[in-house]
Protein backbone atom coordinates (compact mmCIF):
# COMPACT_ATOMS: atom_id res chain seq x y z
CA MET A 1 25.24 55.77 58.51
CA LYS A 2 24.90 57.67 55.27
CA GLN A 3 27.74 55.75 53.65
CA SER A 4 26.30 52.46 54.85
CA THR A 5 22.85 53.37 53.55
CA LEU A 6 24.30 54.41 50.20
CA PHE A 7 26.21 51.12 50.01
CA VAL A 8 23.05 49.11 50.70
CA LEU A 9 21.15 51.08 48.08
CA CYS A 10 23.88 50.51 45.51
CA LEU A 11 24.01 46.82 46.36
CA SER A 12 20.23 46.57 46.01
CA PHE A 13 20.33 48.36 42.68
CA VAL A 14 23.07 46.08 41.36
CA SER A 15 21.17 43.03 42.61
CA ALA A 16 18.00 44.22 40.91
CA ILE A 17 19.91 44.69 37.65
CA LEU A 18 21.45 41.22 37.95
CA ILE A 19 18.05 39.64 38.70
CA PHE A 20 16.53 41.47 35.71
CA MET A 21 19.37 40.31 33.45
CA LEU A 22 19.07 36.71 34.68
CA ASN A 23 15.32 36.75 34.15
CA HIS A 24 15.80 38.20 30.69
CA ILE A 25 18.37 35.50 29.82
CA GLN A 26 16.04 32.80 31.14
CA ARG A 27 13.10 34.16 29.16
CA THR A 28 15.28 34.34 26.07
CA GLN A 29 16.44 30.76 26.59
CA MET A 30 12.84 29.59 27.14
CA THR A 31 11.73 31.41 24.01
CA THR A 32 14.55 29.79 22.05
CA LEU A 33 13.70 26.34 23.42
CA GLU A 34 10.00 26.83 22.68
CA GLU A 35 10.86 27.89 19.14
CA GLU A 36 13.14 24.88 18.70
CA ASN A 37 10.37 22.62 20.01
CA ARG A 38 7.90 24.16 17.57
CA VAL A 39 10.35 23.61 14.71
CA LEU A 40 10.94 20.00 15.76
CA ALA A 41 7.21 19.38 16.10
CA ALA A 42 6.62 20.85 12.65
CA GLU A 43 9.42 18.70 11.18
CA ASN A 44 8.00 15.57 12.84
CA LYS A 45 4.54 16.39 11.50
CA GLN A 46 5.99 16.90 8.04
CA LEU A 47 7.91 13.61 8.18
CA LYS A 48 4.79 11.79 9.37
CA ALA A 49 2.76 13.34 6.56
CA GLU A 50 5.38 12.37 3.99
CA SER A 51 5.59 8.82 5.34
CA THR A 52 1.80 8.43 5.34
CA TYR A 53 1.56 9.84 1.84
CA GLU A 54 4.30 7.52 0.56
CA GLN A 55 2.42 4.52 1.97
CA GLU A 56 -0.81 5.74 0.38
CA LEU A 57 0.99 6.40 -2.88
CA LEU A 58 2.47 2.89 -2.83
CA ARG A 59 -0.99 1.38 -2.40
CA THR A 60 -2.26 3.53 -5.25
CA GLU A 61 0.58 2.48 -7.50
CA LEU A 62 -0.09 -1.16 -6.72
CA ASN A 63 -3.87 -1.10 -7.01
CA GLY A 64 -4.91 1.84 -9.10
CA ASP A 65 -2.17 2.96 -11.47
CA TYR A 66 -2.77 3.74 -15.14
CA LYS A 67 -1.46 0.35 -16.29
CA HIS A 68 -3.99 -1.42 -14.06
CA TRP A 69 -6.92 0.55 -15.43
CA SER A 70 -5.69 0.29 -19.00
CA ASN A 71 -5.62 -3.50 -18.60
CA ILE A 72 -9.07 -3.48 -17.00
CA GLU A 73 -10.51 -1.55 -19.93
CA GLU A 74 -8.99 -3.97 -22.44
CA ILE A 75 -10.53 -6.91 -20.57
CA ALA A 76 -13.87 -5.11 -20.41
CA GLU A 77 -13.87 -4.38 -24.13
CA GLN A 78 -13.21 -8.05 -24.85
CA MET A 79 -16.11 -9.11 -22.64
CA VAL A 80 -18.51 -6.61 -24.24
CA ASN A 81 -17.54 -7.70 -27.75
CA ASP A 82 -17.83 -11.38 -26.89
CA SER A 83 -21.29 -10.84 -25.42
CA GLU A 84 -22.39 -8.85 -28.48
CA GLY A 85 -23.22 -5.96 -26.20
CA HIS A 86 -25.40 -7.89 -23.74
CA PHE A 87 -22.77 -7.51 -21.02
CA LYS A 88 -22.49 -3.77 -20.40
CA LYS A 89 -19.07 -2.17 -20.32
CA ALA A 90 -19.71 -0.70 -16.86
CA TRP A 91 -20.47 -4.22 -15.61
CA ALA A 92 -17.34 -5.57 -17.31
CA ILE A 93 -15.07 -2.92 -15.77
CA TYR A 94 -16.54 -3.58 -12.32
CA LEU A 95 -16.21 -7.36 -12.69
CA ALA A 96 -12.65 -7.25 -14.02
CA ASN A 97 -11.51 -4.96 -11.21
CA GLU A 98 -13.24 -7.00 -8.47
CA ALA A 99 -11.85 -10.27 -9.82
CA GLU A 100 -8.30 -8.95 -9.92
CA GLN A 101 -8.58 -7.78 -6.30
CA PHE A 102 -9.20 -11.43 -5.39
CA ASN A 103 -6.55 -12.67 -7.82
CA ILE A 104 -9.17 -14.54 -9.87
CA ASP A 105 -9.15 -14.66 -13.67
CA PRO A 106 -11.96 -12.22 -14.59
CA PHE A 107 -12.78 -14.24 -17.71
CA LEU A 108 -13.50 -17.24 -15.48
CA ILE A 109 -16.29 -15.33 -13.75
CA TYR A 110 -17.48 -13.78 -16.99
CA GLU A 111 -17.85 -17.23 -18.57
CA LEU A 112 -19.65 -18.47 -15.47
CA LEU A 113 -22.15 -15.63 -15.80
CA LYS A 114 -22.55 -16.43 -19.49
CA VAL A 115 -23.41 -20.05 -18.73
CA GLU A 116 -25.66 -19.20 -15.77
CA THR A 117 -27.73 -16.74 -17.82
CA GLY A 118 -27.73 -18.64 -21.12
CA LYS A 119 -25.63 -15.88 -22.72
CA THR A 120 -28.26 -13.22 -21.92
CA PHE A 121 -26.53 -11.65 -18.89
CA ASP A 122 -30.01 -10.71 -17.71
CA PRO A 123 -29.78 -9.23 -14.18
CA ASP A 124 -33.51 -9.86 -13.67
CA LEU A 125 -33.33 -13.54 -14.53
CA ILE A 126 -35.29 -15.98 -12.36
CA GLY A 127 -34.38 -19.64 -12.71
CA PRO A 128 -36.83 -22.54 -12.96
CA GLU A 129 -38.56 -23.89 -9.87
CA THR A 130 -36.65 -26.70 -8.14
CA LYS A 131 -37.07 -28.60 -4.90
CA TYR A 132 -34.55 -26.17 -3.38
CA GLY A 133 -36.33 -23.09 -4.69
CA GLN A 134 -35.37 -20.73 -7.51
CA ALA A 135 -32.15 -18.98 -8.47
CA TYR A 136 -32.09 -15.21 -8.92
CA GLY A 137 -30.12 -12.59 -10.80
CA MET A 138 -27.13 -12.64 -13.08
CA SER A 139 -25.16 -14.98 -10.82
CA GLN A 140 -28.19 -17.22 -10.19
CA PHE A 141 -27.96 -17.50 -6.42
CA MET A 142 -30.44 -19.61 -4.50
CA GLY A 143 -32.23 -18.14 -1.52
CA ASN A 144 -30.60 -20.69 0.80
CA THR A 145 -27.06 -19.82 -0.35
CA ALA A 146 -26.97 -16.08 -0.92
CA PRO A 147 -27.60 -14.90 2.69
CA TRP A 148 -24.57 -16.57 4.26
CA ILE A 149 -22.34 -15.54 1.34
CA ALA A 150 -23.48 -11.93 1.82
CA GLU A 151 -22.74 -12.20 5.54
CA MET A 152 -19.29 -13.64 4.80
CA ALA A 153 -18.65 -10.76 2.39
CA GLY A 154 -19.84 -8.18 4.93
CA LEU A 155 -22.74 -7.14 2.69
CA PRO A 156 -26.40 -6.51 3.49
CA TYR A 157 -28.89 -9.03 2.15
CA SER A 158 -32.34 -8.97 0.66
CA GLU A 159 -33.82 -10.93 -2.21
CA GLU A 160 -34.22 -7.70 -4.18
CA LEU A 161 -30.46 -7.08 -4.06
CA LEU A 162 -29.85 -10.29 -6.02
CA PHE A 163 -31.25 -8.47 -9.07
CA ASP A 164 -28.63 -5.71 -8.76
CA PRO A 165 -25.93 -6.73 -11.29
CA TYR A 166 -23.06 -5.28 -9.24
CA TYR A 167 -24.23 -6.92 -6.02
CA SER A 168 -24.77 -10.21 -7.85
CA MET A 169 -21.29 -10.10 -9.41
CA GLN A 170 -19.65 -9.27 -6.08
CA LEU A 171 -21.34 -12.25 -4.44
CA ALA A 172 -20.15 -14.46 -7.30
CA VAL A 173 -16.55 -13.27 -6.87
CA VAL A 174 -16.60 -13.82 -3.09
CA TYR A 175 -18.28 -17.23 -3.39
CA LEU A 176 -15.85 -18.45 -6.05
CA ASP A 177 -12.92 -17.22 -3.99
CA PHE A 178 -14.31 -19.09 -0.97
CA LEU A 179 -14.83 -22.30 -2.97
CA HIS A 180 -11.37 -22.15 -4.53
CA HIS A 181 -9.84 -21.52 -1.11
CA LYS A 182 -11.76 -24.52 0.24
CA TYR A 183 -10.96 -26.99 -2.56
CA GLN A 184 -7.72 -25.52 -4.00
CA ASN A 185 -8.70 -26.33 -7.61
CA TRP A 186 -11.14 -24.94 -10.13
CA ASP A 187 -12.80 -28.23 -11.12
CA GLU A 188 -14.16 -28.69 -7.62
CA ALA A 189 -14.83 -24.98 -7.07
CA LEU A 190 -16.83 -24.53 -10.28
CA THR A 191 -18.72 -27.79 -9.95
CA ALA A 192 -19.59 -26.85 -6.36
CA TYR A 193 -20.87 -23.47 -7.60
CA HIS A 194 -23.11 -25.30 -10.05
CA ARG A 195 -24.27 -28.23 -7.91
CA GLY A 196 -23.68 -26.95 -4.39
CA MET A 197 -20.92 -28.24 -2.14
CA THR A 198 -22.81 -31.36 -1.11
CA GLY A 199 -23.85 -31.96 -4.70
CA MET A 200 -20.24 -31.69 -5.84
CA GLU A 201 -19.13 -34.19 -3.18
CA ASN A 202 -21.85 -36.63 -4.27
CA TYR A 203 -20.95 -36.12 -7.94
CA LYS A 204 -17.26 -36.69 -7.20
CA GLU A 205 -18.02 -39.85 -5.21
CA LYS A 206 -20.19 -41.18 -8.04
CA THR A 207 -17.90 -40.33 -10.97
CA GLY A 208 -14.50 -40.42 -9.27
CA THR A 209 -13.71 -36.86 -10.34
CA ALA A 210 -14.93 -33.32 -9.82
CA LYS A 211 -14.46 -32.54 -13.53
CA SER A 212 -17.77 -31.70 -15.16
CA HIS A 213 -19.00 -30.28 -18.45
CA TYR A 214 -19.88 -27.07 -16.58
CA ALA A 215 -16.37 -26.65 -15.15
CA ASP A 216 -14.63 -27.70 -18.37
CA LEU A 217 -16.67 -25.32 -20.52
CA ILE A 218 -16.04 -22.29 -18.29
CA GLN A 219 -12.30 -22.95 -17.98
CA ALA A 220 -11.83 -23.66 -21.69
CA ASN A 221 -13.70 -20.52 -22.76
CA ALA A 222 -11.78 -18.41 -20.24
CA GLU A 223 -8.52 -19.73 -21.66
CA ASN A 224 -9.70 -18.92 -25.19
CA HIS A 225 -10.04 -15.27 -24.18
CA HIS A 226 -6.39 -15.16 -23.16
CA THR A 227 -5.34 -16.86 -26.39
CA LEU A 228 -7.35 -14.32 -28.37
CA ALA A 229 -5.86 -11.41 -26.43
CA MET A 230 -2.31 -12.64 -27.08
CA ALA A 231 -3.03 -13.01 -30.79
CA GLU A 232 -4.17 -9.41 -31.16
């Protein structure tokens, strides 16, 4: 009985050691796997961060690199000089950048503002009374036109905002982009800006063309800016 008891005790002791060793190996393996998982997770997070940053960097290089802003400043300087200081440089930089985002010649919008304000670029300008009402601000928007353009642009609207030069310019850019998208040429787009879309259609039906002194003047003066820039 003593030998049998001793054998059982030895067997139990060996079994306990084996169980301990197996548990230790399993814990070690689990720890190793957990560490590997943490490393993989960290690597994935790093790769995701790098990928996101590269995409952000690409957008920055396309839309906001030093060449872009250098070009914007040159355009702005030309506008300020042409206006004899009436068109502020901050306005010019804003306008040039907004126009380029919509792939519109910034000088086209600048010349439109020059015509609309009689070369004053007065943001507080109120146009003469007409049967349709009055036009307001630097871009000379009528009260029956501005609200739906603001809605289309995702902007708030109030009559007071039309006297904000930046708001007024942004509406002008969006409206011109809409008109050019609609008509696919600048004669119709500019004449529609000046006369309204129905007015442009009536004018075109009467004259056989959408070309107008308003559209010709703005396009010719915009082209002159590019000729002047190339000559410098």
